[in-house]
Amino acid sequence: MKTWQRYLEHLSRGQWHAHTHYTDAKNSVDEMCHKAIEVGVPLLAFTEHVRRKLDYDFEALLAEIELARSKYAGQLIILTGCEAKVLPGGTLDVEPELLARVDYPIFSFHAFPKDLELYLSSLAIAITNPYVNAWGHPGLFFLKHPELTPDIARLEPIFASMQQHQVLLEINPRYQLPLPAWLEAYAKYGLPVANGGDLHSVDDFQRPGSTPH
């Protein structure tokens, strides 16, 4: 069972994609949790950027999350997670042991070669990773390379595989993704979506219901 399946009631009201000052965000774990409670968010998933060779102390991050779980018990569901980059070929730029330790791993595309066929084949493989729960900011690659945007027919096998492997599509208001046509096609496969605010500071929080779904 994927972690999101245990928290179905919080997929639209929770924040399933959040970063901290351990990487490229502004605030601490505690500050993000405090803000989540203040605005009425019921669940917060810390999906910090990872690589196979980390340049920060992931153990310290996990320790801070554990402290926050104790401090805010009964007020906020707090999940560990990570955002892993898809590499050409479909492997993820993260140690498998780390994926196995966290609650909510997601994958996304960053700095990927400008090659549609490689993108689609790598995406198809990434979806089969048994640990991943969601596809982060889906389609961001095509905002950078709109001329490569695939026809919906090319994405149908991707969405079918997501259904098979119970991998969610993330609604990402930071980039206004996915495209409406993608969302319409994905919906035919019966999976819900995850509200991925892609939070990088406490100022990014919005009250539940105020982000598009």
N, C-alpha and C. Protein backbone atom coordinates (compact mmCIF):
# COMPACT_ATOMS: atom_id res chain seq x y z
N MET A 1 0.84 -1.20 0.00
CA MET A 1 0.00 0.00 0.00
C MET A 1 0.87 1.25 0.00
N LYS A 2 0.56 2.19 -0.88
CA LYS A 2 1.27 3.46 -0.90
C LYS A 2 0.78 4.34 0.25
N THR A 3 1.65 5.20 0.73
CA THR A 3 1.31 6.03 1.89
C THR A 3 0.08 6.88 1.64
N TRP A 4 -0.07 7.44 0.44
CA TRP A 4 -1.22 8.31 0.19
C TRP A 4 -2.54 7.60 0.41
N GLN A 5 -2.56 6.28 0.23
CA GLN A 5 -3.81 5.53 0.38
C GLN A 5 -4.31 5.51 1.82
N ARG A 6 -3.42 5.75 2.76
CA ARG A 6 -3.83 5.81 4.16
C ARG A 6 -4.40 7.16 4.55
N TYR A 7 -4.24 8.13 3.69
CA TYR A 7 -4.68 9.50 4.01
C TYR A 7 -5.53 10.08 2.88
N LEU A 8 -6.41 9.28 2.33
CA LEU A 8 -7.23 9.71 1.21
C LEU A 8 -8.00 10.99 1.50
N GLU A 9 -8.49 11.11 2.73
CA GLU A 9 -9.32 12.27 3.06
C GLU A 9 -8.53 13.57 3.09
N HIS A 10 -7.19 13.47 3.05
CA HIS A 10 -6.37 14.67 3.12
C HIS A 10 -5.66 15.00 1.81
N LEU A 11 -5.97 14.29 0.73
CA LEU A 11 -5.25 14.52 -0.52
C LEU A 11 -5.48 15.93 -1.07
N SER A 12 -6.67 16.46 -0.91
CA SER A 12 -6.95 17.78 -1.47
C SER A 12 -6.70 18.91 -0.47
N ARG A 13 -6.77 18.61 0.83
CA ARG A 13 -6.61 19.66 1.83
C ARG A 13 -5.22 19.69 2.45
N GLY A 14 -4.49 18.59 2.31
CA GLY A 14 -3.13 18.56 2.83
C GLY A 14 -2.17 19.26 1.89
N GLN A 15 -0.94 19.40 2.35
CA GLN A 15 0.14 19.92 1.50
C GLN A 15 1.16 18.80 1.34
N TRP A 16 1.20 18.25 0.14
CA TRP A 16 1.95 17.03 -0.13
C TRP A 16 3.29 17.26 -0.82
N HIS A 17 3.77 18.50 -0.82
CA HIS A 17 5.05 18.80 -1.47
C HIS A 17 5.60 20.05 -0.81
N ALA A 18 6.54 19.87 0.12
CA ALA A 18 7.09 21.01 0.87
C ALA A 18 8.59 20.86 1.05
N HIS A 19 9.28 21.99 1.02
CA HIS A 19 10.73 22.03 1.18
C HIS A 19 11.11 22.89 2.39
N THR A 20 12.36 22.76 2.80
CA THR A 20 12.86 23.49 3.97
C THR A 20 14.19 24.16 3.63
N HIS A 21 14.74 24.85 4.64
CA HIS A 21 16.03 25.51 4.42
C HIS A 21 17.20 24.53 4.34
N TYR A 22 16.92 23.23 4.44
CA TYR A 22 17.99 22.26 4.21
C TYR A 22 18.43 22.28 2.74
N THR A 23 17.52 22.70 1.83
CA THR A 23 17.92 22.80 0.42
C THR A 23 17.64 24.21 -0.09
N ASP A 24 16.58 24.39 -0.88
CA ASP A 24 16.38 25.67 -1.55
C ASP A 24 15.21 26.48 -1.02
N ALA A 25 14.73 26.17 0.16
CA ALA A 25 13.60 26.90 0.75
C ALA A 25 14.09 27.79 1.90
N LYS A 26 13.17 28.56 2.47
CA LYS A 26 13.55 29.59 3.43
C LYS A 26 13.39 29.18 4.89
N ASN A 27 12.42 28.31 5.18
CA ASN A 27 12.03 28.10 6.57
C ASN A 27 12.40 26.72 7.10
N SER A 28 12.35 26.60 8.42
CA SER A 28 12.67 25.35 9.11
C SER A 28 11.45 24.42 9.12
N VAL A 29 11.69 23.19 9.50
CA VAL A 29 10.61 22.23 9.67
C VAL A 29 9.58 22.77 10.66
N ASP A 30 10.04 23.26 11.80
CA ASP A 30 9.11 23.75 12.82
C ASP A 30 8.30 24.93 12.32
N GLU A 31 8.94 25.84 11.61
CA GLU A 31 8.22 27.01 11.10
C GLU A 31 7.16 26.61 10.08
N MET A 32 7.47 25.64 9.25
CA MET A 32 6.50 25.18 8.26
C MET A 32 5.32 24.48 8.94
N CYS A 33 5.60 23.68 9.94
CA CYS A 33 4.53 23.00 10.67
C CYS A 33 3.64 24.00 11.40
N HIS A 34 4.24 24.96 12.04
CA HIS A 34 3.48 25.98 12.77
C HIS A 34 2.54 26.72 11.82
N LYS A 35 3.03 27.06 10.63
CA LYS A 35 2.20 27.77 9.66
C LYS A 35 1.09 26.88 9.14
N ALA A 36 1.37 25.61 8.92
CA ALA A 36 0.34 24.68 8.45
C ALA A 36 -0.82 24.62 9.43
N ILE A 37 -0.51 24.55 10.71
CA ILE A 37 -1.57 24.51 11.72
C ILE A 37 -2.32 25.83 11.75
N GLU A 38 -1.60 26.91 11.62
CA GLU A 38 -2.22 28.25 11.66
C GLU A 38 -3.27 28.43 10.57
N VAL A 39 -3.00 27.90 9.37
CA VAL A 39 -3.94 28.07 8.26
C VAL A 39 -4.90 26.91 8.10
N GLY A 40 -4.80 25.90 8.96
CA GLY A 40 -5.76 24.81 8.94
C GLY A 40 -5.43 23.65 8.01
N VAL A 41 -4.16 23.50 7.66
CA VAL A 41 -3.75 22.37 6.83
C VAL A 41 -3.65 21.13 7.72
N PRO A 42 -4.28 20.02 7.35
CA PRO A 42 -4.28 18.84 8.24
C PRO A 42 -3.07 17.94 8.10
N LEU A 43 -2.38 18.01 6.95
CA LEU A 43 -1.26 17.10 6.68
C LEU A 43 -0.19 17.86 5.92
N LEU A 44 1.07 17.61 6.31
CA LEU A 44 2.21 18.25 5.66
C LEU A 44 3.27 17.19 5.37
N ALA A 45 3.63 17.05 4.09
CA ALA A 45 4.66 16.09 3.69
C ALA A 45 5.91 16.85 3.30
N PHE A 46 7.01 16.54 3.96
CA PHE A 46 8.29 17.17 3.64
C PHE A 46 9.00 16.35 2.56
N THR A 47 8.95 16.85 1.34
CA THR A 47 9.53 16.14 0.20
C THR A 47 10.81 16.88 -0.21
N GLU A 48 11.80 16.81 0.63
CA GLU A 48 13.03 17.56 0.38
C GLU A 48 13.78 17.00 -0.82
N HIS A 49 14.46 17.88 -1.55
CA HIS A 49 15.28 17.46 -2.68
C HIS A 49 16.37 16.52 -2.20
N VAL A 50 16.60 15.48 -2.99
CA VAL A 50 17.65 14.52 -2.66
C VAL A 50 18.48 14.23 -3.91
N ARG A 51 19.65 13.71 -3.67
CA ARG A 51 20.54 13.20 -4.70
C ARG A 51 21.23 11.96 -4.14
N ARG A 52 21.89 11.21 -4.99
CA ARG A 52 22.64 10.06 -4.46
C ARG A 52 23.73 10.52 -3.51
N LYS A 53 24.35 11.65 -3.83
CA LYS A 53 25.34 12.24 -2.94
C LYS A 53 24.76 13.52 -2.37
N LEU A 54 24.32 13.45 -1.12
CA LEU A 54 23.67 14.58 -0.48
C LEU A 54 24.70 15.59 0.01
N ASP A 55 24.34 16.86 -0.07
CA ASP A 55 25.23 17.90 0.45
C ASP A 55 24.66 18.53 1.72
N TYR A 56 23.76 17.83 2.37
CA TYR A 56 23.23 18.26 3.65
C TYR A 56 22.96 17.03 4.51
N ASP A 57 22.64 17.25 5.77
CA ASP A 57 22.48 16.16 6.73
C ASP A 57 21.03 15.69 6.76
N PHE A 58 20.75 14.64 6.00
CA PHE A 58 19.37 14.13 5.93
C PHE A 58 18.93 13.56 7.28
N GLU A 59 19.87 13.00 8.03
CA GLU A 59 19.52 12.47 9.35
C GLU A 59 19.04 13.60 10.27
N ALA A 60 19.68 14.75 10.18
CA ALA A 60 19.25 15.89 10.99
C ALA A 60 17.84 16.35 10.59
N LEU A 61 17.57 16.33 9.28
CA LEU A 61 16.22 16.67 8.81
C LEU A 61 15.18 15.72 9.38
N LEU A 62 15.47 14.43 9.32
CA LEU A 62 14.53 13.46 9.87
C LEU A 62 14.34 13.65 11.38
N ALA A 63 15.41 13.99 12.07
CA ALA A 63 15.31 14.22 13.51
C ALA A 63 14.42 15.43 13.80
N GLU A 64 14.53 16.48 12.99
CA GLU A 64 13.67 17.65 13.19
C GLU A 64 12.21 17.31 12.93
N ILE A 65 11.98 16.50 11.93
CA ILE A 65 10.60 16.08 11.64
C ILE A 65 10.03 15.27 12.79
N GLU A 66 10.86 14.40 13.36
CA GLU A 66 10.39 13.59 14.49
C GLU A 66 10.06 14.47 15.69
N LEU A 67 10.88 15.48 15.93
CA LEU A 67 10.58 16.42 17.02
C LEU A 67 9.26 17.15 16.76
N ALA A 68 9.05 17.54 15.53
CA ALA A 68 7.81 18.24 15.18
C ALA A 68 6.60 17.33 15.35
N ARG A 69 6.76 16.04 15.03
CA ARG A 69 5.65 15.11 15.21
C ARG A 69 5.24 15.04 16.68
N SER A 70 6.22 15.04 17.56
CA SER A 70 5.91 15.01 18.99
C SER A 70 5.29 16.33 19.45
N LYS A 71 5.84 17.43 18.98
CA LYS A 71 5.38 18.75 19.40
C LYS A 71 3.96 19.03 18.92
N TYR A 72 3.62 18.59 17.71
CA TYR A 72 2.33 18.94 17.11
C TYR A 72 1.39 17.73 17.00
N ALA A 73 1.65 16.71 17.81
CA ALA A 73 0.79 15.52 17.81
C ALA A 73 -0.66 15.92 18.07
N GLY A 74 -1.55 15.38 17.26
CA GLY A 74 -2.97 15.69 17.40
C GLY A 74 -3.39 16.95 16.67
N GLN A 75 -2.43 17.73 16.18
CA GLN A 75 -2.74 18.96 15.46
C GLN A 75 -2.41 18.88 13.97
N LEU A 76 -1.43 18.04 13.63
CA LEU A 76 -0.95 17.99 12.25
C LEU A 76 -0.34 16.62 11.97
N ILE A 77 -0.73 16.02 10.86
CA ILE A 77 -0.07 14.81 10.38
C ILE A 77 1.18 15.25 9.61
N ILE A 78 2.33 14.74 10.00
CA ILE A 78 3.59 15.14 9.38
C ILE A 78 4.26 13.90 8.77
N LEU A 79 4.55 13.97 7.49
CA LEU A 79 5.16 12.85 6.79
C LEU A 79 6.59 13.18 6.36
N THR A 80 7.44 12.19 6.44
CA THR A 80 8.76 12.31 5.82
C THR A 80 8.62 11.98 4.33
N GLY A 81 9.52 12.50 3.55
CA GLY A 81 9.46 12.23 2.13
C GLY A 81 10.70 12.71 1.43
N CYS A 82 10.66 12.71 0.11
CA CYS A 82 11.75 13.25 -0.68
C CYS A 82 11.25 13.49 -2.09
N GLU A 83 11.94 14.39 -2.80
CA GLU A 83 11.69 14.62 -4.22
C GLU A 83 12.94 14.20 -4.96
N ALA A 84 12.83 13.10 -5.69
CA ALA A 84 13.97 12.52 -6.39
C ALA A 84 13.91 12.83 -7.87
N LYS A 85 15.04 13.20 -8.43
CA LYS A 85 15.14 13.54 -9.85
C LYS A 85 15.19 12.28 -10.71
N VAL A 86 14.42 12.28 -11.81
CA VAL A 86 14.49 11.19 -12.77
C VAL A 86 15.72 11.38 -13.65
N LEU A 87 16.52 10.33 -13.74
CA LEU A 87 17.71 10.34 -14.59
C LEU A 87 17.39 9.72 -15.94
N PRO A 88 18.13 10.05 -16.99
CA PRO A 88 17.93 9.39 -18.29
C PRO A 88 18.01 7.88 -18.12
N GLY A 89 16.98 7.20 -18.57
CA GLY A 89 16.90 5.76 -18.37
C GLY A 89 15.88 5.37 -17.32
N GLY A 90 15.45 6.33 -16.49
CA GLY A 90 14.36 6.07 -15.57
C GLY A 90 14.74 5.76 -14.14
N THR A 91 16.03 5.62 -13.85
CA THR A 91 16.40 5.46 -12.45
C THR A 91 16.27 6.82 -11.74
N LEU A 92 16.24 6.78 -10.43
CA LEU A 92 16.10 7.99 -9.64
C LEU A 92 17.42 8.34 -8.98
N ASP A 93 17.70 9.63 -8.90
CA ASP A 93 18.96 10.10 -8.33
C ASP A 93 18.86 10.14 -6.81
N VAL A 94 18.77 8.96 -6.22
CA VAL A 94 18.63 8.82 -4.77
C VAL A 94 19.01 7.40 -4.40
N GLU A 95 19.56 7.25 -3.21
CA GLU A 95 19.87 5.90 -2.74
C GLU A 95 18.58 5.14 -2.42
N PRO A 96 18.43 3.90 -2.89
CA PRO A 96 17.21 3.13 -2.62
C PRO A 96 16.89 3.02 -1.13
N GLU A 97 17.94 2.96 -0.31
CA GLU A 97 17.70 2.84 1.14
C GLU A 97 16.96 4.06 1.68
N LEU A 98 17.24 5.23 1.13
CA LEU A 98 16.55 6.43 1.58
C LEU A 98 15.09 6.38 1.16
N LEU A 99 14.83 5.96 -0.07
CA LEU A 99 13.44 5.82 -0.52
C LEU A 99 12.64 4.92 0.40
N ALA A 100 13.28 3.84 0.84
CA ALA A 100 12.59 2.88 1.69
C ALA A 100 12.30 3.42 3.09
N ARG A 101 13.06 4.43 3.52
CA ARG A 101 12.93 4.93 4.89
C ARG A 101 11.83 5.97 5.04
N VAL A 102 11.55 6.72 3.99
CA VAL A 102 10.63 7.83 4.12
C VAL A 102 9.21 7.42 3.76
N ASP A 103 8.26 8.23 4.19
CA ASP A 103 6.85 7.91 4.00
C ASP A 103 6.37 8.16 2.57
N TYR A 104 6.82 9.28 2.00
CA TYR A 104 6.17 9.76 0.78
C TYR A 104 7.20 10.24 -0.24
N PRO A 105 7.86 9.33 -0.94
CA PRO A 105 8.77 9.74 -2.01
C PRO A 105 7.99 10.13 -3.26
N ILE A 106 8.44 11.20 -3.91
CA ILE A 106 7.89 11.56 -5.20
C ILE A 106 9.05 11.70 -6.19
N PHE A 107 8.74 11.68 -7.48
CA PHE A 107 9.78 11.91 -8.48
C PHE A 107 9.40 13.12 -9.33
N SER A 108 10.40 13.73 -9.92
CA SER A 108 10.17 14.85 -10.82
C SER A 108 11.32 14.94 -11.81
N PHE A 109 11.14 15.77 -12.82
CA PHE A 109 12.17 15.97 -13.84
C PHE A 109 12.83 17.32 -13.64
N HIS A 110 14.16 17.30 -13.51
CA HIS A 110 14.97 18.51 -13.43
C HIS A 110 16.16 18.35 -14.37
N ALA A 111 16.45 19.37 -15.13
CA ALA A 111 17.65 19.37 -16.00
C ALA A 111 17.76 18.08 -16.81
N PHE A 112 16.69 17.75 -17.51
CA PHE A 112 16.65 16.52 -18.30
C PHE A 112 17.01 16.83 -19.75
N PRO A 113 17.65 15.89 -20.46
CA PRO A 113 17.98 16.14 -21.88
C PRO A 113 16.75 16.46 -22.71
N LYS A 114 16.95 17.28 -23.72
CA LYS A 114 15.86 17.71 -24.59
C LYS A 114 15.57 16.63 -25.62
N ASP A 115 14.86 15.59 -25.15
CA ASP A 115 14.64 14.40 -25.98
C ASP A 115 13.31 13.78 -25.54
N LEU A 116 12.26 13.94 -26.32
CA LEU A 116 10.94 13.47 -25.92
C LEU A 116 10.89 11.97 -25.74
N GLU A 117 11.49 11.22 -26.66
CA GLU A 117 11.41 9.75 -26.54
C GLU A 117 12.13 9.27 -25.29
N LEU A 118 13.26 9.87 -24.98
CA LEU A 118 13.98 9.50 -23.76
C LEU A 118 13.17 9.90 -22.53
N TYR A 119 12.54 11.04 -22.58
CA TYR A 119 11.69 11.50 -21.47
C TYR A 119 10.58 10.48 -21.20
N LEU A 120 9.85 10.12 -22.24
CA LEU A 120 8.70 9.23 -22.05
C LEU A 120 9.13 7.84 -21.60
N SER A 121 10.20 7.33 -22.16
CA SER A 121 10.66 6.00 -21.74
C SER A 121 11.19 6.03 -20.31
N SER A 122 11.86 7.11 -19.93
CA SER A 122 12.36 7.23 -18.56
C SER A 122 11.21 7.40 -17.57
N LEU A 123 10.21 8.17 -17.96
CA LEU A 123 9.02 8.34 -17.12
C LEU A 123 8.33 7.00 -16.88
N ALA A 124 8.18 6.22 -17.94
CA ALA A 124 7.52 4.92 -17.81
C ALA A 124 8.24 4.02 -16.81
N ILE A 125 9.55 4.08 -16.79
CA ILE A 125 10.32 3.26 -15.85
C ILE A 125 10.23 3.82 -14.43
N ALA A 126 10.30 5.14 -14.29
CA ALA A 126 10.23 5.75 -12.96
C ALA A 126 8.93 5.40 -12.25
N ILE A 127 7.85 5.33 -13.00
CA ILE A 127 6.55 5.02 -12.40
C ILE A 127 6.55 3.65 -11.74
N THR A 128 7.34 2.73 -12.26
CA THR A 128 7.34 1.36 -11.72
C THR A 128 8.16 1.22 -10.44
N ASN A 129 8.87 2.28 -10.05
CA ASN A 129 9.61 2.20 -8.79
C ASN A 129 8.62 1.93 -7.66
N PRO A 130 8.83 0.89 -6.87
CA PRO A 130 7.81 0.51 -5.87
C PRO A 130 7.61 1.50 -4.75
N TYR A 131 8.52 2.44 -4.58
CA TYR A 131 8.43 3.37 -3.45
C TYR A 131 7.73 4.67 -3.80
N VAL A 132 7.74 5.07 -5.05
CA VAL A 132 7.24 6.41 -5.36
C VAL A 132 5.72 6.48 -5.23
N ASN A 133 5.26 7.64 -4.75
CA ASN A 133 3.84 7.87 -4.52
C ASN A 133 3.22 8.83 -5.53
N ALA A 134 4.02 9.73 -6.11
CA ALA A 134 3.44 10.75 -6.99
C ALA A 134 4.49 11.29 -7.95
N TRP A 135 3.98 11.88 -9.02
CA TRP A 135 4.78 12.57 -10.02
C TRP A 135 4.70 14.07 -9.73
N GLY A 136 5.81 14.65 -9.31
CA GLY A 136 5.84 16.05 -8.92
C GLY A 136 5.89 17.00 -10.11
N HIS A 137 5.26 18.14 -9.96
CA HIS A 137 5.07 19.16 -11.00
C HIS A 137 5.09 18.54 -12.41
N PRO A 138 4.07 17.73 -12.70
CA PRO A 138 4.06 16.98 -13.97
C PRO A 138 3.95 17.91 -15.17
N GLY A 139 4.89 17.76 -16.08
CA GLY A 139 4.89 18.55 -17.30
C GLY A 139 5.73 19.79 -17.26
N LEU A 140 6.46 20.03 -16.19
CA LEU A 140 7.31 21.22 -16.11
C LEU A 140 8.33 21.25 -17.25
N PHE A 141 8.83 20.09 -17.61
CA PHE A 141 9.78 19.97 -18.73
C PHE A 141 9.22 20.62 -19.99
N PHE A 142 7.90 20.49 -20.22
CA PHE A 142 7.30 20.98 -21.45
C PHE A 142 6.95 22.47 -21.38
N LEU A 143 6.95 23.03 -20.19
CA LEU A 143 6.87 24.49 -20.11
C LEU A 143 8.18 25.10 -20.61
N LYS A 144 9.27 24.37 -20.40
CA LYS A 144 10.58 24.82 -20.86
C LYS A 144 10.79 24.49 -22.34
N HIS A 145 10.16 23.39 -22.78
CA HIS A 145 10.33 22.93 -24.17
C HIS A 145 8.95 22.66 -24.78
N PRO A 146 8.14 23.68 -24.98
CA PRO A 146 6.75 23.47 -25.43
C PRO A 146 6.65 22.76 -26.78
N GLU A 147 7.65 22.90 -27.61
CA GLU A 147 7.61 22.26 -28.92
C GLU A 147 7.66 20.73 -28.83
N LEU A 148 8.04 20.21 -27.66
CA LEU A 148 8.12 18.76 -27.46
C LEU A 148 6.87 18.19 -26.79
N THR A 149 5.93 19.02 -26.43
CA THR A 149 4.75 18.56 -25.70
C THR A 149 4.07 17.42 -26.45
N PRO A 150 3.92 16.26 -25.80
CA PRO A 150 3.36 15.11 -26.51
C PRO A 150 1.84 15.20 -26.66
N ASP A 151 1.32 14.54 -27.67
CA ASP A 151 -0.12 14.38 -27.80
C ASP A 151 -0.63 13.56 -26.62
N ILE A 152 -1.89 13.77 -26.28
CA ILE A 152 -2.48 13.03 -25.16
C ILE A 152 -2.39 11.53 -25.39
N ALA A 153 -2.49 11.10 -26.63
CA ALA A 153 -2.40 9.66 -26.91
C ALA A 153 -1.08 9.06 -26.44
N ARG A 154 -0.02 9.86 -26.45
CA ARG A 154 1.28 9.37 -25.98
C ARG A 154 1.30 9.22 -24.47
N LEU A 155 0.41 9.94 -23.79
CA LEU A 155 0.38 9.90 -22.33
C LEU A 155 -0.58 8.86 -21.78
N GLU A 156 -1.47 8.36 -22.61
CA GLU A 156 -2.44 7.38 -22.12
C GLU A 156 -1.76 6.16 -21.49
N PRO A 157 -0.72 5.58 -22.11
CA PRO A 157 -0.04 4.45 -21.45
C PRO A 157 0.62 4.85 -20.14
N ILE A 158 1.07 6.10 -20.05
CA ILE A 158 1.66 6.58 -18.80
C ILE A 158 0.62 6.61 -17.70
N PHE A 159 -0.55 7.16 -17.99
CA PHE A 159 -1.60 7.24 -16.98
C PHE A 159 -2.12 5.85 -16.61
N ALA A 160 -2.17 4.95 -17.58
CA ALA A 160 -2.58 3.57 -17.28
C ALA A 160 -1.58 2.91 -16.33
N SER A 161 -0.29 3.17 -16.55
CA SER A 161 0.73 2.61 -15.67
C SER A 161 0.65 3.24 -14.28
N MET A 162 0.35 4.52 -14.22
CA MET A 162 0.18 5.16 -12.92
C MET A 162 -0.96 4.51 -12.15
N GLN A 163 -2.03 4.17 -12.84
CA GLN A 163 -3.13 3.46 -12.19
C GLN A 163 -2.66 2.10 -11.67
N GLN A 164 -1.94 1.38 -12.50
CA GLN A 164 -1.46 0.05 -12.12
C GLN A 164 -0.56 0.10 -10.90
N HIS A 165 0.32 1.12 -10.84
CA HIS A 165 1.30 1.21 -9.77
C HIS A 165 0.89 2.17 -8.64
N GLN A 166 -0.33 2.70 -8.75
CA GLN A 166 -0.87 3.58 -7.72
C GLN A 166 0.03 4.79 -7.46
N VAL A 167 0.44 5.41 -8.54
CA VAL A 167 1.25 6.63 -8.49
C VAL A 167 0.36 7.80 -8.88
N LEU A 168 0.31 8.81 -8.04
CA LEU A 168 -0.60 9.93 -8.24
C LEU A 168 -0.02 11.03 -9.11
N LEU A 169 -0.90 11.76 -9.76
CA LEU A 169 -0.54 12.99 -10.43
C LEU A 169 -0.67 14.12 -9.41
N GLU A 170 0.32 14.96 -9.36
CA GLU A 170 0.32 16.08 -8.42
C GLU A 170 -0.29 17.32 -9.07
N ILE A 171 -1.19 17.98 -8.35
CA ILE A 171 -1.66 19.31 -8.74
C ILE A 171 -0.68 20.32 -8.15
N ASN A 172 0.00 21.05 -9.02
CA ASN A 172 1.06 21.95 -8.58
C ASN A 172 0.73 23.39 -8.97
N PRO A 173 0.17 24.16 -8.04
CA PRO A 173 -0.22 25.54 -8.37
C PRO A 173 0.95 26.48 -8.60
N ARG A 174 2.13 26.13 -8.11
CA ARG A 174 3.30 26.99 -8.34
C ARG A 174 3.55 27.17 -9.83
N TYR A 175 3.40 26.07 -10.58
CA TYR A 175 3.64 26.11 -12.02
C TYR A 175 2.34 25.96 -12.83
N GLN A 176 1.21 25.91 -12.13
CA GLN A 176 -0.09 25.72 -12.76
C GLN A 176 -0.09 24.46 -13.62
N LEU A 177 0.34 23.38 -12.99
CA LEU A 177 0.42 22.08 -13.64
C LEU A 177 -0.41 21.05 -12.88
N PRO A 178 -0.86 20.00 -13.59
CA PRO A 178 -0.64 19.69 -15.00
C PRO A 178 -1.57 20.49 -15.91
N LEU A 179 -1.33 20.38 -17.20
CA LEU A 179 -2.21 21.02 -18.17
C LEU A 179 -3.62 20.43 -18.06
N PRO A 180 -4.66 21.23 -18.28
CA PRO A 180 -6.03 20.72 -18.15
C PRO A 180 -6.29 19.46 -18.98
N ALA A 181 -5.75 19.38 -20.17
CA ALA A 181 -5.96 18.19 -21.00
C ALA A 181 -5.34 16.95 -20.37
N TRP A 182 -4.19 17.13 -19.72
CA TRP A 182 -3.58 16.01 -19.02
C TRP A 182 -4.47 15.53 -17.87
N LEU A 183 -4.97 16.48 -17.12
CA LEU A 183 -5.79 16.15 -15.97
C LEU A 183 -7.07 15.43 -16.40
N GLU A 184 -7.65 15.88 -17.49
CA GLU A 184 -8.85 15.24 -18.01
C GLU A 184 -8.58 13.80 -18.42
N ALA A 185 -7.46 13.57 -19.10
CA ALA A 185 -7.12 12.22 -19.52
C ALA A 185 -6.80 11.32 -18.33
N TYR A 186 -6.05 11.85 -17.38
CA TYR A 186 -5.69 11.10 -16.16
C TYR A 186 -6.92 10.69 -15.39
N ALA A 187 -7.92 11.56 -15.33
CA ALA A 187 -9.12 11.31 -14.52
C ALA A 187 -9.86 10.05 -14.98
N LYS A 188 -9.71 9.69 -16.23
CA LYS A 188 -10.41 8.51 -16.74
C LYS A 188 -9.93 7.22 -16.08
N TYR A 189 -8.76 7.27 -15.45
CA TYR A 189 -8.21 6.07 -14.84
C TYR A 189 -8.58 5.92 -13.36
N GLY A 190 -9.35 6.84 -12.85
CA GLY A 190 -9.94 6.67 -11.53
C GLY A 190 -9.07 6.97 -10.33
N LEU A 191 -7.89 7.51 -10.56
CA LEU A 191 -7.02 7.86 -9.44
C LEU A 191 -7.31 9.27 -8.96
N PRO A 192 -7.17 9.55 -7.67
CA PRO A 192 -7.26 10.92 -7.19
C PRO A 192 -6.00 11.70 -7.54
N VAL A 193 -5.97 12.97 -7.18
CA VAL A 193 -4.77 13.80 -7.34
C VAL A 193 -4.31 14.24 -5.96
N ALA A 194 -3.04 14.60 -5.87
CA ALA A 194 -2.47 15.10 -4.61
C ALA A 194 -2.22 16.60 -4.73
N ASN A 195 -2.57 17.34 -3.71
CA ASN A 195 -2.33 18.78 -3.68
C ASN A 195 -0.87 19.04 -3.33
N GLY A 196 -0.07 19.35 -4.35
CA GLY A 196 1.36 19.56 -4.12
C GLY A 196 1.71 21.02 -4.26
N GLY A 197 1.65 21.75 -3.18
CA GLY A 197 1.89 23.19 -3.22
C GLY A 197 3.31 23.58 -3.60
N ASP A 198 4.24 22.60 -3.52
CA ASP A 198 5.65 22.89 -3.82
C ASP A 198 6.12 24.08 -2.98
N LEU A 199 5.85 23.98 -1.69
CA LEU A 199 6.07 25.09 -0.77
C LEU A 199 7.56 25.31 -0.53
N HIS A 200 7.98 26.57 -0.63
CA HIS A 200 9.37 26.93 -0.37
C HIS A 200 9.50 27.98 0.73
N SER A 201 8.40 28.36 1.31
CA SER A 201 8.41 29.26 2.47
C SER A 201 7.03 29.24 3.12
N VAL A 202 6.95 29.79 4.32
CA VAL A 202 5.66 29.85 4.99
C VAL A 202 4.69 30.75 4.23
N ASP A 203 5.23 31.67 3.42
CA ASP A 203 4.37 32.56 2.65
C ASP A 203 3.65 31.84 1.52
N ASP A 204 4.09 30.62 1.20
CA ASP A 204 3.46 29.87 0.13
C ASP A 204 2.19 29.15 0.57
N PHE A 205 1.95 29.07 1.85
CA PHE A 205 0.76 28.37 2.33
C PHE A 205 -0.50 29.13 1.94
N GLN A 206 -1.51 28.39 1.56
CA GLN A 206 -2.83 28.93 1.35
C GLN A 206 -3.81 28.08 2.14
N ARG A 207 -4.89 28.70 2.53
CA ARG A 207 -5.88 27.94 3.29
C ARG A 207 -6.47 26.83 2.41
N PRO A 208 -6.76 25.65 3.01
CA PRO A 208 -7.34 24.57 2.22
C PRO A 208 -8.58 25.04 1.46
N GLY A 209 -8.62 24.65 0.18
CA GLY A 209 -9.73 25.06 -0.65
C GLY A 209 -9.41 26.24 -1.52
N SER A 210 -8.31 26.94 -1.24
CA SER A 210 -7.98 28.13 -2.01
C SER A 210 -7.06 27.83 -3.19
N THR A 211 -6.53 26.59 -3.26
CA THR A 211 -5.69 26.22 -4.39
C THR A 211 -6.54 25.47 -5.40
N PRO A 212 -6.23 25.54 -6.68
CA PRO A 212 -7.02 24.86 -7.68
C PRO A 212 -6.82 23.35 -7.64
N HIS A 213 -7.88 22.61 -7.89
CA HIS A 213 -7.80 21.15 -7.89
C HIS A 213 -8.36 20.62 -9.20
